[in-house]
């Protein structure tokens, strides 16, 4: 539990300190600076959903078999929350890349 708390606090400090200097630029993945905070929070929500799903899913069931398995409502909440956050995250990354390329053009 102590490790999880320190990991969450470290990630929060790193993501909340986003400014123009910390705007990410991983080669072809460039997004406008104002999207950094949104992408950071969506990444955190996706990670929390993934960890929550890993904790609440039935033991011995792999992640790719979860749609075919009867799971608890809490695990279902984590699953759908993670999927929604991940889909919005990917949409924002690709739209952001398009906006950045349009601004450079």
C-alpha atoms as a PDB file:
ATOM      1  CA  UNK A   1       0.000   0.000   0.000  1.00  0.00           C
ATOM      2  CA  UNK A   2       2.887   2.317   0.767  1.00  0.00           C
ATOM      3  CA  UNK A   3       4.381   1.784  -2.695  1.00  0.00           C
ATOM      4  CA  UNK A   4       1.052   2.484  -4.391  1.00  0.00           C
ATOM      5  CA  UNK A   5       0.679   5.728  -2.455  1.00  0.00           C
ATOM      6  CA  UNK A   6       4.173   6.917  -3.374  1.00  0.00           C
ATOM      7  CA  UNK A   7       3.640   6.007  -7.036  1.00  0.00           C
ATOM      8  CA  UNK A   8       0.336   7.903  -7.145  1.00  0.00           C
ATOM      9  CA  UNK A   9       1.825  10.945  -5.418  1.00  0.00           C
ATOM     10  CA  UNK A  10       4.828  10.956  -7.749  1.00  0.00           C
ATOM     11  CA  UNK A  11       2.623  10.701 -10.833  1.00  0.00           C
ATOM     12  CA  UNK A  12       0.381  13.488  -9.553  1.00  0.00           C
ATOM     13  CA  UNK A  13       3.310  15.823  -8.898  1.00  0.00           C
ATOM     14  CA  UNK A  14       4.752  15.115 -12.338  1.00  0.00           C
ATOM     15  CA  UNK A  15       1.457  15.619 -14.140  1.00  0.00           C
ATOM     16  CA  UNK A  16       0.376  18.699 -12.205  1.00  0.00           C
ATOM     17  CA  UNK A  17       3.678  20.412 -12.897  1.00  0.00           C
ATOM     18  CA  UNK A  18       2.957  20.467 -16.631  1.00  0.00           C
ATOM     19  CA  UNK A  19       3.798  23.800 -18.159  1.00  0.00           C
ATOM     20  CA  UNK A  20       4.991  25.008 -21.517  1.00  0.00           C
ATOM     21  CA  UNK A  21       8.476  23.740 -20.737  1.00  0.00           C
ATOM     22  CA  UNK A  22       7.188  20.227 -20.056  1.00  0.00           C
ATOM     23  CA  UNK A  23       4.976  19.955 -23.154  1.00  0.00           C
ATOM     24  CA  UNK A  24       5.681  16.523 -24.537  1.00  0.00           C
ATOM     25  CA  UNK A  25       7.209  16.024 -27.944  1.00  0.00           C
ATOM     26  CA  UNK A  26       7.920  12.380 -28.752  1.00  0.00           C
ATOM     27  CA  UNK A  27       8.951  12.711 -32.370  1.00  0.00           C
ATOM     28  CA  UNK A  28       5.775  12.462 -34.416  1.00  0.00           C
ATOM     29  CA  UNK A  29       3.457  12.702 -31.370  1.00  0.00           C
ATOM     30  CA  UNK A  30       3.134  16.414 -30.719  1.00  0.00           C
ATOM     31  CA  UNK A  31       0.031  18.025 -29.290  1.00  0.00           C
ATOM     32  CA  UNK A  32      -0.767  21.636 -28.426  1.00  0.00           C
ATOM     33  CA  UNK A  33       0.455  22.741 -25.007  1.00  0.00           C
ATOM     34  CA  UNK A  34      -3.034  23.414 -23.670  1.00  0.00           C
ATOM     35  CA  UNK A  35      -3.940  19.713 -24.084  1.00  0.00           C
ATOM     36  CA  UNK A  36      -1.191  18.476 -21.743  1.00  0.00           C
ATOM     37  CA  UNK A  37      -3.262  18.748 -18.577  1.00  0.00           C
ATOM     38  CA  UNK A  38      -6.265  16.941 -20.104  1.00  0.00           C
ATOM     39  CA  UNK A  39      -4.128  14.168 -21.546  1.00  0.00           C
ATOM     40  CA  UNK A  40      -2.311  13.783 -18.230  1.00  0.00           C
ATOM     41  CA  UNK A  41      -5.519  13.423 -16.234  1.00  0.00           C
ATOM     42  CA  UNK A  42      -7.005  10.996 -18.751  1.00  0.00           C
ATOM     43  CA  UNK A  43      -3.830   8.924 -18.542  1.00  0.00           C
ATOM     44  CA  UNK A  44      -4.097   8.866 -14.741  1.00  0.00           C
ATOM     45  CA  UNK A  45      -7.779   7.843 -14.911  1.00  0.00           C
ATOM     46  CA  UNK A  46      -6.907   5.074 -17.380  1.00  0.00           C
ATOM     47  CA  UNK A  47      -4.139   3.784 -15.104  1.00  0.00           C
ATOM     48  CA  UNK A  48      -6.404   3.869 -12.031  1.00  0.00           C
ATOM     49  CA  UNK A  49      -9.096   1.993 -13.977  1.00  0.00           C
ATOM     50  CA  UNK A  50      -6.597  -0.623 -15.113  1.00  0.00           C
ATOM     51  CA  UNK A  51      -5.240  -1.154 -11.605  1.00  0.00           C
ATOM     52  CA  UNK A  52      -8.763  -1.243 -10.152  1.00  0.00           C
ATOM     53  CA  UNK A  53      -9.839  -3.775 -12.745  1.00  0.00           C
ATOM     54  CA  UNK A  54      -6.777  -5.897 -12.042  1.00  0.00           C
ATOM     55  CA  UNK A  55      -7.640  -5.929  -8.333  1.00  0.00           C
ATOM     56  CA  UNK A  56     -11.385  -6.614  -8.697  1.00  0.00           C
ATOM     57  CA  UNK A  57     -11.449  -9.104 -11.576  1.00  0.00           C
ATOM     58  CA  UNK A  58     -11.851 -12.818 -10.761  1.00  0.00           C
ATOM     59  CA  UNK A  59      -8.602 -14.630 -10.035  1.00  0.00           C
ATOM     60  CA  UNK A  60      -7.285 -16.679 -12.941  1.00  0.00           C
ATOM     61  CA  UNK A  61      -9.259 -14.848 -15.627  1.00  0.00           C
ATOM     62  CA  UNK A  62      -7.036 -13.014 -18.147  1.00  0.00           C
ATOM     63  CA  UNK A  63      -7.958  -9.481 -19.200  1.00  0.00           C
ATOM     64  CA  UNK A  64      -8.906 -10.537 -22.735  1.00  0.00           C
ATOM     65  CA  UNK A  65     -11.541 -12.978 -21.388  1.00  0.00           C
ATOM     66  CA  UNK A  66     -13.359 -10.418 -19.198  1.00  0.00           C
ATOM     67  CA  UNK A  67     -16.142  -9.662 -21.728  1.00  0.00           C
ATOM     68  CA  UNK A  68     -17.094 -13.373 -21.690  1.00  0.00           C
ATOM     69  CA  UNK A  69     -17.017 -13.679 -17.894  1.00  0.00           C
ATOM     70  CA  UNK A  70     -19.556 -12.718 -15.244  1.00  0.00           C
ATOM     71  CA  UNK A  71     -17.812 -10.050 -13.153  1.00  0.00           C
ATOM     72  CA  UNK A  72     -18.850  -7.892 -10.212  1.00  0.00           C
ATOM     73  CA  UNK A  73     -20.448  -4.477 -10.753  1.00  0.00           C
ATOM     74  CA  UNK A  74     -17.356  -2.773  -9.311  1.00  0.00           C
ATOM     75  CA  UNK A  75     -15.093  -4.561 -11.798  1.00  0.00           C
ATOM     76  CA  UNK A  76     -17.535  -3.633 -14.562  1.00  0.00           C
ATOM     77  CA  UNK A  77     -17.365   0.009 -13.436  1.00  0.00           C
ATOM     78  CA  UNK A  78     -13.559  -0.032 -13.590  1.00  0.00           C
ATOM     79  CA  UNK A  79     -13.639  -1.773 -16.975  1.00  0.00           C
ATOM     80  CA  UNK A  80     -16.005   0.679 -18.633  1.00  0.00           C
ATOM     81  CA  UNK A  81     -14.400   3.689 -16.936  1.00  0.00           C
ATOM     82  CA  UNK A  82     -10.995   2.610 -18.195  1.00  0.00           C
ATOM     83  CA  UNK A  83     -12.309   2.005 -21.723  1.00  0.00           C
ATOM     84  CA  UNK A  84     -14.069   5.365 -21.902  1.00  0.00           C
ATOM     85  CA  UNK A  85     -11.039   7.258 -20.545  1.00  0.00           C
ATOM     86  CA  UNK A  86      -8.689   5.412 -22.923  1.00  0.00           C
ATOM     87  CA  UNK A  87     -10.878   6.103 -25.961  1.00  0.00           C
ATOM     88  CA  UNK A  88     -11.129   9.809 -25.095  1.00  0.00           C
ATOM     89  CA  UNK A  89      -7.366   9.880 -24.458  1.00  0.00           C
ATOM     90  CA  UNK A  90      -6.576   8.400 -27.863  1.00  0.00           C
ATOM     91  CA  UNK A  91      -9.039  10.742 -29.587  1.00  0.00           C
ATOM     92  CA  UNK A  92      -7.414  13.734 -27.922  1.00  0.00           C
ATOM     93  CA  UNK A  93      -3.917  12.556 -28.858  1.00  0.00           C
ATOM     94  CA  UNK A  94      -4.803  12.096 -32.528  1.00  0.00           C
ATOM     95  CA  UNK A  95      -6.842  15.294 -32.769  1.00  0.00           C
ATOM     96  CA  UNK A  96      -4.035  17.122 -30.985  1.00  0.00           C
ATOM     97  CA  UNK A  97      -1.491  15.781 -33.464  1.00  0.00           C
ATOM     98  CA  UNK A  98      -3.699  16.996 -36.291  1.00  0.00           C
ATOM     99  CA  UNK A  99      -4.078  20.438 -34.718  1.00  0.00           C
ATOM    100  CA  UNK A 100      -0.337  20.710 -34.154  1.00  0.00           C
ATOM    101  CA  UNK A 101       0.430  19.727 -37.777  1.00  0.00           C
ATOM    102  CA  UNK A 102      -2.210  22.182 -39.000  1.00  0.00           C
ATOM    103  CA  UNK A 103      -0.621  24.969 -36.925  1.00  0.00           C
ATOM    104  CA  UNK A 104       2.823  24.132 -38.347  1.00  0.00           C
ATOM    105  CA  UNK A 105       1.487  24.086 -41.890  1.00  0.00           C
END
